Amino acid sequence: MQKKLNFKLVEPDQSLADFVYCFSSLQNISHQHDAVIIPNGKVDLIFSKTNDQTLIVALLGLETKPKYTTPEISNFFSVSFHPFCD
């Protein structure tokens, strides 16, 4: 039986809103095939867990082209930041 894809997006407290766009999590994504991540112009600090329970921390962002997810990632939590501008 395939597990249900669970997604949650939480807006930051007003005190963080100038810097943080949102917090998000996604569980059971390893069952999704051909999922595409579309760039949104944000910088993301991502904590992901693979199917073998390995924790991966990555700083991503400002991609210019869509990319595909890898089936080895089962869950992730993300903090999306607004790009720094003066």
C-alpha atoms as a PDB file:
ATOM      1  CA  MET A   1       0.000   0.000   0.000  1.00  0.00           C
ATOM      2  CA  GLN A   2       1.321   3.413  -0.975  1.00  0.00           C
ATOM      3  CA  LYS A   3       1.605   6.045   1.759  1.00  0.00           C
ATOM      4  CA  LYS A   4      -0.240   9.342   1.348  1.00  0.00           C
ATOM      5  CA  LEU A   5       1.806  12.402   0.401  1.00  0.00           C
ATOM      6  CA  ASN A   6       1.676  14.880   3.304  1.00  0.00           C
ATOM      7  CA  PHE A   7       2.482  18.553   2.751  1.00  0.00           C
ATOM      8  CA  LYS A   8       2.409  21.380   5.266  1.00  0.00           C
ATOM      9  CA  LEU A   9       3.235  25.051   4.789  1.00  0.00           C
ATOM     10  CA  VAL A  10       3.404  27.486   7.712  1.00  0.00           C
ATOM     11  CA  GLU A  11       3.849  31.229   7.464  1.00  0.00           C
ATOM     12  CA  PRO A  12       6.435  32.720   9.823  1.00  0.00           C
ATOM     13  CA  ASP A  13       5.692  34.893  12.820  1.00  0.00           C
ATOM     14  CA  GLN A  14       5.529  38.582  11.887  1.00  0.00           C
ATOM     15  CA  SER A  15       8.908  39.173  13.581  1.00  0.00           C
ATOM     16  CA  LEU A  16      10.562  36.858  10.984  1.00  0.00           C
ATOM     17  CA  ALA A  17       8.458  37.791   7.944  1.00  0.00           C
ATOM     18  CA  ASP A  18      11.044  40.220   6.515  1.00  0.00           C
ATOM     19  CA  PHE A  19      13.544  37.352   6.217  1.00  0.00           C
ATOM     20  CA  VAL A  20      11.573  34.066   6.167  1.00  0.00           C
ATOM     21  CA  TYR A  21       9.033  33.365   3.432  1.00  0.00           C
ATOM     22  CA  CYS A  22       7.691  30.127   4.950  1.00  0.00           C
ATOM     23  CA  PHE A  23       8.384  26.836   6.669  1.00  0.00           C
ATOM     24  CA  SER A  24       7.342  23.700   4.806  1.00  0.00           C
ATOM     25  CA  SER A  25       7.477  19.956   5.166  1.00  0.00           C
ATOM     26  CA  LEU A  26       6.736  17.089   2.862  1.00  0.00           C
ATOM     27  CA  GLN A  27       6.500  13.440   3.895  1.00  0.00           C
ATOM     28  CA  ASN A  28       6.333  10.265   1.830  1.00  0.00           C
ATOM     29  CA  ILE A  29       7.752  11.830  -1.328  1.00  0.00           C
ATOM     30  CA  SER A  30       9.833   8.788  -2.281  1.00  0.00           C
ATOM     31  CA  HIS A  31       6.640   7.222  -3.665  1.00  0.00           C
ATOM     32  CA  GLN A  32       6.170  10.086  -6.109  1.00  0.00           C
ATOM     33  CA  HIS A  33       7.596   9.480  -9.552  1.00  0.00           C
ATOM     34  CA  ASP A  34       8.619  12.229 -11.956  1.00  0.00           C
ATOM     35  CA  ALA A  35       7.882  15.006  -9.415  1.00  0.00           C
ATOM     36  CA  VAL A  36       9.245  18.365 -10.531  1.00  0.00           C
ATOM     37  CA  ILE A  37      10.578  21.167  -8.348  1.00  0.00           C
ATOM     38  CA  ILE A  38       9.909  24.551  -9.925  1.00  0.00           C
ATOM     39  CA  PRO A  39      12.180  27.491  -8.957  1.00  0.00           C
ATOM     40  CA  ASN A  40      10.443  30.182  -6.903  1.00  0.00           C
ATOM     41  CA  GLY A  41      13.254  32.709  -6.396  1.00  0.00           C
ATOM     42  CA  LYS A  42      13.743  31.864  -2.708  1.00  0.00           C
ATOM     43  CA  VAL A  43      16.779  30.544  -0.842  1.00  0.00           C
ATOM     44  CA  ASP A  44      15.961  27.283   0.958  1.00  0.00           C
ATOM     45  CA  LEU A  45      17.628  25.588   3.908  1.00  0.00           C
ATOM     46  CA  ILE A  46      16.495  21.972   3.535  1.00  0.00           C
ATOM     47  CA  PHE A  47      16.752  19.123   6.003  1.00  0.00           C
ATOM     48  CA  SER A  48      15.936  15.856   4.238  1.00  0.00           C
ATOM     49  CA  LYS A  49      15.898  12.214   5.253  1.00  0.00           C
ATOM     50  CA  THR A  50      16.634   9.383   2.860  1.00  0.00           C
ATOM     51  CA  ASN A  51      14.944   5.998   2.826  1.00  0.00           C
ATOM     52  CA  ASP A  52      17.912   4.552   4.767  1.00  0.00           C
ATOM     53  CA  GLN A  53      17.471   7.237   7.500  1.00  0.00           C
ATOM     54  CA  THR A  54      20.465   9.395   6.473  1.00  0.00           C
ATOM     55  CA  LEU A  55      20.026  13.106   7.261  1.00  0.00           C
ATOM     56  CA  ILE A  56      21.070  15.578   4.559  1.00  0.00           C
ATOM     57  CA  VAL A  57      21.305  19.349   5.061  1.00  0.00           C
ATOM     58  CA  ALA A  58      21.483  21.537   1.967  1.00  0.00           C
ATOM     59  CA  LEU A  59      21.281  25.192   1.052  1.00  0.00           C
ATOM     60  CA  LEU A  60      19.503  25.608  -2.264  1.00  0.00           C
ATOM     61  CA  GLY A  61      17.982  28.422  -4.197  1.00  0.00           C
ATOM     62  CA  LEU A  62      17.888  30.713  -7.135  1.00  0.00           C
ATOM     63  CA  GLU A  63      17.803  27.829  -9.580  1.00  0.00           C
ATOM     64  CA  THR A  64      16.862  28.868 -13.084  1.00  0.00           C
ATOM     65  CA  LYS A  65      15.477  25.567 -14.348  1.00  0.00           C
ATOM     66  CA  PRO A  66      13.064  22.954 -12.959  1.00  0.00           C
ATOM     67  CA  LYS A  67      14.609  19.786 -11.525  1.00  0.00           C
ATOM     68  CA  TYR A  68      13.326  16.333 -10.649  1.00  0.00           C
ATOM     69  CA  THR A  69      13.192  14.838  -7.182  1.00  0.00           C
ATOM     70  CA  THR A  70      15.172  11.727  -6.337  1.00  0.00           C
ATOM     71  CA  PRO A  71      13.348   8.654  -5.036  1.00  0.00           C
ATOM     72  CA  GLU A  72      15.910   8.208  -2.242  1.00  0.00           C
ATOM     73  CA  ILE A  73      14.480  11.198  -0.305  1.00  0.00           C
ATOM     74  CA  SER A  74      11.543  10.199   1.893  1.00  0.00           C
ATOM     75  CA  ASN A  75      10.853  13.377   3.916  1.00  0.00           C
ATOM     76  CA  PHE A  76      12.045  16.967   4.143  1.00  0.00           C
ATOM     77  CA  PHE A  77      11.643  20.133   6.167  1.00  0.00           C
ATOM     78  CA  SER A  78      12.496  23.493   4.624  1.00  0.00           C
ATOM     79  CA  VAL A  79      12.971  27.086   5.690  1.00  0.00           C
ATOM     80  CA  SER A  80      12.499  29.370   2.691  1.00  0.00           C
ATOM     81  CA  PHE A  81      14.171  32.754   2.938  1.00  0.00           C
ATOM     82  CA  HIS A  82      13.564  35.902   0.933  1.00  0.00           C
ATOM     83  CA  PRO A  83      16.656  36.771  -1.126  1.00  0.00           C
ATOM     84  CA  PHE A  84      18.723  39.523   0.464  1.00  0.00           C
ATOM     85  CA  CYS A  85      18.308  42.853  -1.314  1.00  0.00           C
ATOM     86  CA  ASP A  86      19.332  46.395  -0.468  1.00  0.00           C
END
